Amino acid sequence: MTSRERVLMALNHREPDRIPVDLSGHRSSGIAAMAYIKLRRHLGLEARPVRVYDPVQQLAIVEEDVLQRFGVDTIELGRAFAHEDKWWTEWVLPDGSPCLMPVWAKPERANGEWVLRSPTNQIIARMPPSVLFFEQACYPFEEHADLDRLEAAIGEVMWATAASPPGPIAAGADGLLRLTEGAARLRRESDRAIIGLFGGNLLEMGQFLFRNDNFFLLLAGEPDRAHAFLDRLMGLHLANLERFLGAVGPHIDIILFGDDLGMQSGPQISPAMYREFFQPRQRLLWRCVRKLAPHLRIMLHCCGGVRELLPGLIAAGLDAINPVQITCRGMDPAGLKADFGGRLTFWGGGCDTREMIVRGTPVQVSDHVRRLMDIWRPAGGFVFQQVHNIMADVPPENIVAMLDAVNG
């Protein structure tokens, strides 16, 4: 089977020839640049300048030799862009390792820390000393929410502005044409399943703009204002989604939306609040996909304990969810597989990254992954990825043990 066939068969809830593997197919299945450098050295691969794909999380572009070594079946649409040296500039990772950062998101030094700025020169993110990633520093609606400037305000949000490739390559009058050309080229050159990152965040965009506490107060205490904000946001999302699908829809296999609805202890919001504010709007977004690109599978990146919300997400039209945070309340793999495995593909939950991959031995990691594969494998509906990104402190031996155990 080709990688694309393997992934699509799993999404069809049929067992393929082997479990499909995702490593760096999206911004939550990747590997920190510092860990990636160590992994390449451990594997005895050629030393190359590491390119930081995601400036905020400092994730590496995983190169073809590593993808082949571990039989990776996915690739992110952004890998079709920013190949030329002009898009990269020198930087230094927190451990002193040299790297290359996208020119449009190069950090600056300010007051003894690294910062990222918006096009309006607003500091939108900070990385204090000894911290290994950027933290949001600007909440445009924290004091006053002017919905007439919503699009401009989103431009001052860290997660929207510090973009991974294609970044500004897809902007401007010719941006959609460049996006289409890159997507078509990637389709011709790779038989991996192509994931197109869209976003369409709803709860999180409210948190990014208002700040978490303020947005929760808005949802609970001023529902009419919350609906007005979400309606404005949906106008932007639907327009962007139509443009995105028109440009790349024929060339990708999976479209990825995002909204972290969970915490370690369970959902951030009640099922009733999800049904009032978010399910109808997700249903509209996902119906748009079904109408304009019916071959696409719809995946949601959604961290945390979200078991109580899964029936509503499935009813809204969801096909797959990642990263399946198995250490959270309610996220027991056997229970999830038994209750939802016939209706939802679990794209993740393949290895605990909070404790096991960091502190376990390679043998323990391998045994842990094999036990999980015995749960997730039957009847398809599963794509392997570890629970979120591989962080900077993960030993390379454990990364190898994890990935080798998937189909070992």
Foldseek 3Di string as FASTA:
>chain_A
DALQVCVVCLLVLAFDPAFAAAEPLDQWQYAAPLQVQQLCVVVVHDRDAWEQQQQQQRTTDDDDVVCVVLVHQHHELLVLADPDPVQWDWDAFLVGHIHIYGPQFDWDDDPQWTFTAFPVRHTQWTAHRPRGGIDGDDQQPQPHDDLVCVVVLLSSFPVSPSHGPPHCCLDDPCNLVSSLVSLQVCLVVGSGAYEYEQALEQLVNLCRHRNNVRSVCCLPPPVVVSQVNSVSSLVVSVVVLVSNCVRNLVRHAEYEYEYAQADLAAGPDALVSCVVRPLVSLLVSVVSCCVSRVRHAYEYEYDHHYVNNVVSVLVSPHSEYDDQQCNGPPSPLLVCCVPPVVRHAYEHPQFHQVDPQQPHDLVSRLVSNLVSLVRRRPSRSYHYGYHTYNYSRGNSSNVVSSSVSSRD
